[in-house]
Amino acid sequence: MNTDGRLLYTPEHAAAQLDIGRTHIYGLLARGELRSVKVGRNRRIPAAALQEYVRNLMQAGGGDAAA
């Protein structure tokens, strides 16, 4: 995952980083599977939360066993 030095991502940018759709990101946020913070009236996703989400996927068996 390319973290490009950002600390916070918009949902759209987070979706691009994970190569999933924006709607999927909002679903992950709603279910509490992806952490986020409020900055004023805006929702932002910390880079660390994206990395944590991917780690959780891999631990749950979503990763490639050969890797």
N, C-alpha and C. Protein backbone atom coordinates (compact mmCIF):
# COMPACT_ATOMS: atom_id res chain seq x y z
N MET A 1 0.85 -1.18 0.00
CA MET A 1 0.00 0.00 0.00
C MET A 1 0.89 1.23 0.00
N ASN A 2 0.63 2.14 -0.88
CA ASN A 2 1.37 3.39 -0.97
C ASN A 2 0.76 4.40 -0.01
N THR A 3 1.50 4.78 1.02
CA THR A 3 0.96 5.73 1.99
C THR A 3 1.29 7.17 1.65
N ASP A 4 2.05 7.45 0.65
CA ASP A 4 2.39 8.76 0.10
C ASP A 4 2.60 9.88 1.11
N GLY A 5 2.91 9.57 2.35
CA GLY A 5 3.24 10.57 3.35
C GLY A 5 2.06 11.26 4.01
N ARG A 6 0.86 10.99 3.59
CA ARG A 6 -0.31 11.63 4.21
C ARG A 6 -0.57 11.02 5.58
N LEU A 7 -1.09 11.83 6.47
CA LEU A 7 -1.52 11.33 7.78
C LEU A 7 -3.00 10.98 7.76
N LEU A 8 -3.78 11.75 7.01
CA LEU A 8 -5.23 11.55 6.94
C LEU A 8 -5.69 11.48 5.49
N TYR A 9 -6.68 10.63 5.25
CA TYR A 9 -7.24 10.46 3.91
C TYR A 9 -8.73 10.76 3.92
N THR A 10 -9.22 11.33 2.84
CA THR A 10 -10.66 11.41 2.64
C THR A 10 -11.15 9.99 2.36
N PRO A 11 -12.42 9.71 2.54
CA PRO A 11 -12.92 8.37 2.19
C PRO A 11 -12.61 7.99 0.74
N GLU A 12 -12.67 8.96 -0.16
CA GLU A 12 -12.39 8.69 -1.57
C GLU A 12 -10.92 8.30 -1.77
N HIS A 13 -10.01 9.02 -1.12
CA HIS A 13 -8.59 8.69 -1.24
C HIS A 13 -8.28 7.37 -0.55
N ALA A 14 -8.93 7.10 0.57
CA ALA A 14 -8.73 5.83 1.26
C ALA A 14 -9.18 4.68 0.37
N ALA A 15 -10.31 4.86 -0.31
CA ALA A 15 -10.81 3.83 -1.23
C ALA A 15 -9.79 3.57 -2.33
N ALA A 16 -9.19 4.64 -2.85
CA ALA A 16 -8.18 4.48 -3.90
C ALA A 16 -6.96 3.73 -3.36
N GLN A 17 -6.55 4.01 -2.14
CA GLN A 17 -5.40 3.34 -1.55
C GLN A 17 -5.66 1.84 -1.40
N LEU A 18 -6.89 1.47 -1.04
CA LEU A 18 -7.24 0.06 -0.85
C LEU A 18 -7.74 -0.59 -2.14
N ASP A 19 -7.89 0.19 -3.19
CA ASP A 19 -8.39 -0.29 -4.48
C ASP A 19 -9.77 -0.92 -4.34
N ILE A 20 -10.63 -0.22 -3.59
CA ILE A 20 -12.03 -0.62 -3.43
C ILE A 20 -12.90 0.60 -3.69
N GLY A 21 -14.18 0.40 -3.76
CA GLY A 21 -15.09 1.50 -4.03
C GLY A 21 -15.36 2.38 -2.82
N ARG A 22 -15.77 3.61 -3.09
CA ARG A 22 -16.10 4.56 -2.03
C ARG A 22 -17.24 4.04 -1.16
N THR A 23 -18.23 3.42 -1.76
CA THR A 23 -19.36 2.88 -1.01
C THR A 23 -18.90 1.80 -0.03
N HIS A 24 -17.94 0.99 -0.46
CA HIS A 24 -17.38 -0.04 0.42
C HIS A 24 -16.71 0.60 1.63
N ILE A 25 -15.98 1.69 1.42
CA ILE A 25 -15.33 2.41 2.52
C ILE A 25 -16.38 2.87 3.53
N TYR A 26 -17.45 3.47 3.03
CA TYR A 26 -18.50 3.95 3.94
C TYR A 26 -19.14 2.80 4.71
N GLY A 27 -19.27 1.64 4.08
CA GLY A 27 -19.78 0.47 4.78
C GLY A 27 -18.84 0.02 5.88
N LEU A 28 -17.53 0.00 5.60
CA LEU A 28 -16.54 -0.37 6.61
C LEU A 28 -16.57 0.60 7.78
N LEU A 29 -16.73 1.88 7.49
CA LEU A 29 -16.82 2.88 8.55
C LEU A 29 -18.07 2.67 9.39
N ALA A 30 -19.20 2.42 8.74
CA ALA A 30 -20.47 2.24 9.45
C ALA A 30 -20.44 1.01 10.35
N ARG A 31 -19.74 -0.04 9.91
CA ARG A 31 -19.66 -1.27 10.71
C ARG A 31 -18.53 -1.23 11.74
N GLY A 32 -17.75 -0.16 11.76
CA GLY A 32 -16.66 -0.03 12.71
C GLY A 32 -15.44 -0.87 12.35
N GLU A 33 -15.36 -1.33 11.12
CA GLU A 33 -14.22 -2.14 10.68
C GLU A 33 -13.03 -1.28 10.28
N LEU A 34 -13.28 0.00 10.06
CA LEU A 34 -12.23 0.94 9.68
C LEU A 34 -12.41 2.18 10.54
N ARG A 35 -11.35 2.53 11.27
CA ARG A 35 -11.42 3.69 12.17
C ARG A 35 -11.33 4.98 11.38
N SER A 36 -11.94 6.03 11.92
CA SER A 36 -11.87 7.35 11.31
C SER A 36 -11.97 8.41 12.39
N VAL A 37 -11.69 9.64 12.00
CA VAL A 37 -11.77 10.77 12.91
C VAL A 37 -12.57 11.88 12.23
N LYS A 38 -13.13 12.76 13.04
CA LYS A 38 -13.82 13.93 12.51
C LYS A 38 -12.85 15.11 12.57
N VAL A 39 -12.77 15.84 11.49
CA VAL A 39 -12.00 17.08 11.43
C VAL A 39 -13.02 18.14 11.03
N GLY A 40 -13.51 18.87 12.02
CA GLY A 40 -14.62 19.78 11.75
C GLY A 40 -15.84 18.96 11.37
N ARG A 41 -16.39 19.24 10.20
CA ARG A 41 -17.56 18.48 9.71
C ARG A 41 -17.16 17.35 8.78
N ASN A 42 -15.85 17.18 8.59
CA ASN A 42 -15.36 16.19 7.63
C ASN A 42 -14.88 14.92 8.30
N ARG A 43 -15.07 13.80 7.63
CA ARG A 43 -14.60 12.50 8.09
C ARG A 43 -13.28 12.20 7.41
N ARG A 44 -12.28 11.83 8.19
CA ARG A 44 -10.97 11.48 7.65
C ARG A 44 -10.51 10.15 8.23
N ILE A 45 -9.73 9.43 7.45
CA ILE A 45 -9.25 8.11 7.84
C ILE A 45 -7.73 8.18 8.01
N PRO A 46 -7.24 7.92 9.23
CA PRO A 46 -5.80 7.95 9.45
C PRO A 46 -5.09 6.87 8.64
N ALA A 47 -3.87 7.18 8.16
CA ALA A 47 -3.08 6.20 7.43
C ALA A 47 -2.87 4.95 8.27
N ALA A 48 -2.68 5.12 9.58
CA ALA A 48 -2.49 3.97 10.47
C ALA A 48 -3.73 3.08 10.48
N ALA A 49 -4.92 3.66 10.35
CA ALA A 49 -6.16 2.87 10.33
C ALA A 49 -6.23 2.02 9.07
N LEU A 50 -5.74 2.54 7.94
CA LEU A 50 -5.72 1.75 6.71
C LEU A 50 -4.79 0.55 6.87
N GLN A 51 -3.61 0.79 7.45
CA GLN A 51 -2.65 -0.29 7.66
C GLN A 51 -3.20 -1.32 8.64
N GLU A 52 -3.87 -0.86 9.68
CA GLU A 52 -4.49 -1.76 10.66
C GLU A 52 -5.57 -2.62 10.00
N TYR A 53 -6.37 -2.02 9.15
CA TYR A 53 -7.43 -2.75 8.46
C TYR A 53 -6.84 -3.87 7.60
N VAL A 54 -5.78 -3.56 6.85
CA VAL A 54 -5.14 -4.57 6.00
C VAL A 54 -4.54 -5.68 6.87
N ARG A 55 -3.89 -5.32 7.98
CA ARG A 55 -3.35 -6.33 8.90
C ARG A 55 -4.45 -7.26 9.40
N ASN A 56 -5.59 -6.68 9.78
CA ASN A 56 -6.71 -7.48 10.27
C ASN A 56 -7.24 -8.42 9.19
N LEU A 57 -7.28 -7.94 7.95
CA LEU A 57 -7.71 -8.80 6.84
C LEU A 57 -6.78 -10.01 6.70
N MET A 58 -5.49 -9.74 6.78
CA MET A 58 -4.51 -10.81 6.61
C MET A 58 -4.59 -11.81 7.77
N GLN A 59 -4.79 -11.32 8.98
CA GLN A 59 -4.90 -12.22 10.13
C GLN A 59 -6.17 -13.06 10.09
N ALA A 60 -7.20 -12.52 9.46
CA ALA A 60 -8.47 -13.23 9.36
C ALA A 60 -8.46 -14.25 8.22
N GLY A 61 -7.34 -14.38 7.53
CA GLY A 61 -7.25 -15.35 6.46
C GLY A 61 -7.51 -14.78 5.10
N GLY A 62 -7.60 -13.45 4.99
CA GLY A 62 -7.84 -12.82 3.70
C GLY A 62 -6.59 -12.65 2.88
N GLY A 63 -5.44 -12.92 3.50
CA GLY A 63 -4.18 -12.75 2.77
C GLY A 63 -3.82 -14.01 1.99
N ASP A 64 -2.87 -13.89 1.13
CA ASP A 64 -2.39 -15.00 0.32
C ASP A 64 -1.51 -15.90 1.20
N ALA A 65 -1.85 -17.15 1.33
CA ALA A 65 -1.12 -18.08 2.17
C ALA A 65 0.32 -18.27 1.69
N ALA A 66 0.58 -18.06 0.41
CA ALA A 66 1.92 -18.26 -0.15
C ALA A 66 2.84 -17.08 0.14
N ALA A 67 2.27 -15.96 0.56
CA ALA A 67 3.08 -14.75 0.77
C ALA A 67 3.87 -14.80 2.05
